[in-house]
Every structure is written in structure tokens, then in C-alpha cells.
Amino acid sequence: MSWWTAAAGLNAVVALAHFVIGTWVVRALLGAGGLWANPLALGTGALFLAGAAHHGNLSAHLVVDSDNMRDAFVWHVTAVDALTAGVAVSYLGVRSRFPALARGSVLFEDLRERERQALEIHDNVVQGLAEAQMAFDVGRPQQAREAVDRTLVAARRLITERLGEPGSGIELRPGALRRSRPADRSDP
């Protein structure tokens, strides 16, 4: 089998997966108040449908077109196609195992808030820890301690902002912050 033949098949798999995913998103929007109810979900659905068209078109061209296009498909290009097909099929499998989470446009509702929080944690905590680690690595323990101290202050502030200051009206009941399982400190 030639590389272009494998690439044609893999791109057909990706096209089908993208079409299914895009159709799921658009159907969910139609059931949740119309296409314009959630612009992020609409964009996501449109992106998957456009990807389906692109990969389908590429697959078709490889099958019926000239040798010039086929010659471009060497092993590493086909390896990327195989990875893409694997991810697409894996997504379909994961989504089918969690239908309640993937149903409707609710999947996209809190995305902006989560992104904002993730960026804030990255900027205030992760970068501070990275600075501390680099300072330790180059033999600057005082700079590392200062970075850890600043990071702890930033982390406490982030947690306080999310849980509220004492007397802020946010009531936490006993056990509200109990973990479902202990923290695993063995992960690197």
C-alpha cells in the first residue's frame, strides 16, 4: 500500500468523524433555542463541518487526482493523518461514554469563565512556581523563596476571591470543602 492510499483512507475517517461531531453540535443548538443561541457552540460546529469538508475533499482528490498530489504524501505526512484520525475516533468514543455531559449547548456555557480562571491561575500560581523552580535550579535559593512566598499570597487571594471573605454573604457549611478523595502528592 502506498502512503497516499493510507492518507486517503485516514482523511476519510477524519472527515466522517468531523461531520458527526459537527452535526451533533448543530443539532444540539437547534434543540436548545436555535443556531444563534450560543455563538461559541455555533463556531465549534461550523469548524468541525468545515474540517469534514476539507478532509473529505483531500481524500477525494487523492483518489481521483494526479500523481503530483499523491507524491506529497510521504510517511511523516501520513503519520500526522493517522494521529488526527486516532484523536477524532477517540473523541467519538469518549463522547459516547458521557452523553449527559455532551448534550446540548451547556457544554460551552461556562467556557469563558473557566478560561479566565485558568489564565489567572496560570499567571499567578503556575508561573510563580516555575520561577521558583528555575531559581532553585540555578542556585538562587533566596529568589526561589521569594517567588514561593509571592505565589502563596497569590494562591490564597485567588481562593479567597472564589470562596468569599468572612462575612461576605457566601455561607460555607461544615464539610462543604471536603475532598472526595485525598490529594495525591506522588504525581510529578
Protein backbone atom coordinates (compact mmCIF):
# COMPACT_ATOMS: atom_id res chain seq x y z
CA MET A 1 0.00 0.00 0.00
CA SER A 2 1.34 3.45 -0.86
CA TRP A 3 1.44 6.37 1.57
CA TRP A 4 -1.15 8.33 -0.38
CA THR A 5 -3.60 5.40 -0.24
CA ALA A 6 -3.29 5.25 3.55
CA ALA A 7 -3.63 9.05 3.72
CA ALA A 8 -6.80 8.94 1.61
CA GLY A 9 -8.37 6.39 3.95
CA LEU A 10 -7.27 8.21 7.10
CA ASN A 11 -8.59 11.52 5.80
CA ALA A 12 -11.91 9.86 5.01
CA VAL A 13 -12.10 8.66 8.64
CA VAL A 14 -11.31 12.17 9.90
CA ALA A 15 -13.91 13.66 7.55
CA LEU A 16 -16.59 11.30 8.81
CA ALA A 17 -15.71 11.94 12.47
CA HIS A 18 -15.70 15.71 11.93
CA PHE A 19 -19.05 15.50 10.17
CA VAL A 20 -20.59 13.50 13.01
CA ILE A 21 -19.23 15.86 15.69
CA GLY A 22 -20.27 18.99 13.76
CA THR A 23 -23.73 17.55 13.23
CA TRP A 24 -24.07 16.75 16.95
CA VAL A 25 -23.20 20.33 17.89
CA VAL A 26 -25.55 21.90 15.34
CA ARG A 27 -28.42 19.56 16.31
CA ALA A 28 -27.86 20.41 19.98
CA LEU A 29 -28.09 24.11 19.15
CA LEU A 30 -31.28 23.62 17.19
CA GLY A 31 -32.76 21.84 20.19
CA ALA A 32 -31.58 24.49 22.64
CA GLY A 33 -33.10 27.61 21.15
CA GLY A 34 -31.66 27.93 17.67
CA LEU A 35 -28.33 28.25 15.93
CA TRP A 36 -27.64 31.73 17.28
CA ALA A 37 -28.31 30.79 20.94
CA ASN A 38 -24.62 30.13 21.55
CA PRO A 39 -22.08 31.70 19.16
CA LEU A 40 -19.20 29.63 20.57
CA ALA A 41 -21.05 26.38 20.02
CA LEU A 42 -22.09 27.51 16.54
CA GLY A 43 -18.48 28.33 15.70
CA THR A 44 -17.35 24.96 17.04
CA GLY A 45 -19.96 23.11 14.97
CA ALA A 46 -19.06 25.12 11.88
CA LEU A 47 -15.36 24.42 12.44
CA PHE A 48 -15.97 20.68 12.59
CA LEU A 49 -18.17 20.77 9.49
CA ALA A 50 -15.52 22.79 7.63
CA GLY A 51 -12.92 20.24 8.75
CA ALA A 52 -15.15 17.47 7.43
CA ALA A 53 -15.36 19.22 4.06
CA HIS A 54 -11.59 19.76 3.94
CA HIS A 55 -10.62 16.20 4.87
CA GLY A 56 -13.30 14.74 2.61
CA ASN A 57 -12.10 16.89 -0.28
CA LEU A 58 -8.49 15.90 0.35
CA SER A 59 -9.41 12.23 0.45
CA ALA A 60 -11.37 12.51 -2.80
CA HIS A 61 -8.53 14.36 -4.55
CA LEU A 62 -6.05 11.70 -3.51
CA VAL A 63 -8.26 9.01 -5.00
CA VAL A 64 -9.09 10.70 -8.32
CA ASP A 65 -6.39 13.33 -8.87
CA SER A 66 -3.00 13.38 -10.44
CA ASP A 67 0.22 11.84 -9.20
CA ASN A 68 1.54 15.29 -8.25
CA MET A 69 -0.64 15.43 -5.17
CA ARG A 70 -0.04 11.80 -4.33
CA ASP A 71 3.73 12.33 -4.36
CA ALA A 72 3.39 14.82 -1.49
CA PHE A 73 2.18 12.09 0.85
CA VAL A 74 5.24 10.53 2.39
CA TRP A 75 5.36 8.57 5.64
CA HIS A 76 5.51 11.54 8.05
CA VAL A 77 2.54 13.31 6.45
CA THR A 78 0.56 10.09 6.65
CA ALA A 79 1.67 9.65 10.28
CA VAL A 80 0.09 13.02 11.10
CA ASP A 81 -3.09 11.88 9.34
CA ALA A 82 -3.05 8.69 11.42
CA LEU A 83 -2.67 10.71 14.63
CA THR A 84 -5.53 13.01 13.58
CA ALA A 85 -7.78 10.06 12.76
CA GLY A 86 -6.93 8.45 16.10
CA VAL A 87 -7.82 11.60 18.02
CA ALA A 88 -11.09 12.00 16.10
CA VAL A 89 -12.18 8.42 16.70
CA SER A 90 -11.09 8.64 20.36
CA TYR A 91 -13.21 11.76 20.81
CA LEU A 92 -16.24 9.97 19.40
CA GLY A 93 -15.68 7.15 21.87
CA VAL A 94 -15.29 9.45 24.87
CA ARG A 95 -18.31 11.49 23.90
CA SER A 96 -20.47 8.40 23.60
CA ARG A 97 -19.48 7.37 27.14
CA PHE A 98 -20.62 10.71 28.62
CA PRO A 99 -23.80 11.64 26.72
CA ALA A 100 -25.28 13.73 29.54
CA LEU A 101 -22.23 16.00 29.61
CA ALA A 102 -22.12 16.42 25.85
CA ARG A 103 -25.83 17.04 25.38
CA GLY A 104 -26.94 20.49 24.32
CA SER A 105 -25.07 23.73 24.24
CA VAL A 106 -24.49 23.61 28.00
CA LEU A 107 -21.10 22.17 27.12
CA PHE A 108 -20.00 25.67 26.09
CA GLU A 109 -21.76 27.86 28.67
CA ASP A 110 -19.05 28.38 31.25
CA LEU A 111 -16.11 28.20 28.89
CA ARG A 112 -15.23 31.88 29.12
CA GLU A 113 -15.29 31.82 32.91
CA ARG A 114 -13.19 28.67 33.04
CA GLU A 115 -10.69 30.17 30.60
CA ARG A 116 -10.46 33.34 32.68
CA GLN A 117 -9.89 31.35 35.86
CA ALA A 118 -7.34 29.07 34.21
CA LEU A 119 -5.38 32.05 32.88
CA GLU A 120 -5.46 33.70 36.29
CA ILE A 121 -4.19 30.54 37.98
CA HIS A 122 -1.53 30.18 35.31
CA ASP A 123 -0.38 33.78 35.60
CA ASN A 124 -0.43 33.92 39.40
CA VAL A 125 0.42 30.40 40.54
CA VAL A 126 1.99 28.29 37.80
CA GLN A 127 4.38 30.97 36.61
CA GLY A 128 5.38 31.75 40.21
CA LEU A 129 6.17 28.09 40.84
CA ALA A 130 8.10 27.89 37.58
CA GLU A 131 10.12 30.94 38.62
CA ALA A 132 10.86 29.35 42.00
CA GLN A 133 11.93 26.07 40.41
CA MET A 134 14.24 27.85 37.95
CA ALA A 135 15.75 29.90 40.78
CA PHE A 136 16.42 26.71 42.78
CA ASP A 137 17.90 25.07 39.67
CA VAL A 138 20.41 27.90 39.13
CA GLY A 139 21.37 28.12 42.80
CA ARG A 140 19.42 31.21 43.88
CA PRO A 141 17.55 29.98 46.96
CA GLN A 142 16.59 33.45 48.21
CA GLN A 143 14.97 34.36 44.88
CA ALA A 144 13.21 30.98 44.92
CA ARG A 145 11.85 31.55 48.45
CA GLU A 146 10.59 34.99 47.45
CA ALA A 147 8.85 33.53 44.39
CA VAL A 148 7.24 30.84 46.56
CA ASP A 149 6.09 33.47 49.08
CA ARG A 150 4.57 35.65 46.33
CA THR A 151 2.92 32.60 44.79
CA LEU A 152 1.38 31.57 48.12
CA VAL A 153 -0.05 35.06 48.58
CA ALA A 154 -1.48 34.98 45.05
CA ALA A 155 -2.94 31.48 45.54
CA ARG A 156 -4.59 32.50 48.83
CA ARG A 157 -6.03 35.59 47.16
CA LEU A 158 -7.46 33.51 44.30
CA ILE A 159 -9.06 31.08 46.74
CA THR A 160 -10.47 33.90 48.89
CA GLU A 161 -11.95 35.57 45.80
CA ARG A 162 -13.72 32.35 44.87
CA LEU A 163 -14.90 31.44 48.38
CA GLY A 164 -15.50 34.95 49.68
CA GLU A 165 -14.17 36.90 52.64
CA PRO A 166 -15.58 36.11 56.07
CA GLY A 167 -18.91 37.92 56.36
CA SER A 168 -19.23 38.37 52.58
CA GLY A 169 -22.56 36.59 52.44
CA ILE A 170 -21.17 33.40 50.97
CA GLU A 171 -22.05 30.76 53.51
CA LEU A 172 -19.93 27.63 53.62
CA ARG A 173 -21.44 24.80 55.59
CA PRO A 174 -19.33 22.34 57.58
CA GLY A 175 -17.85 19.80 55.20
CA ALA A 176 -18.52 21.92 52.08
CA LEU A 177 -14.84 21.91 51.18
CA ARG A 178 -14.22 18.24 51.96
CA ARG A 179 -12.39 16.37 49.25
CA SER A 180 -13.94 13.32 47.65
CA ARG A 181 -10.51 11.67 47.92
CA PRO A 182 -7.17 12.65 49.45
CA ALA A 183 -4.73 14.76 47.48
CA ASP A 184 -2.23 12.70 45.54
CA ARG A 185 1.18 14.24 46.08
CA SER A 186 3.02 11.46 44.28
CA ASP A 187 2.38 12.88 40.80
CA PRO A 188 5.35 14.84 39.44
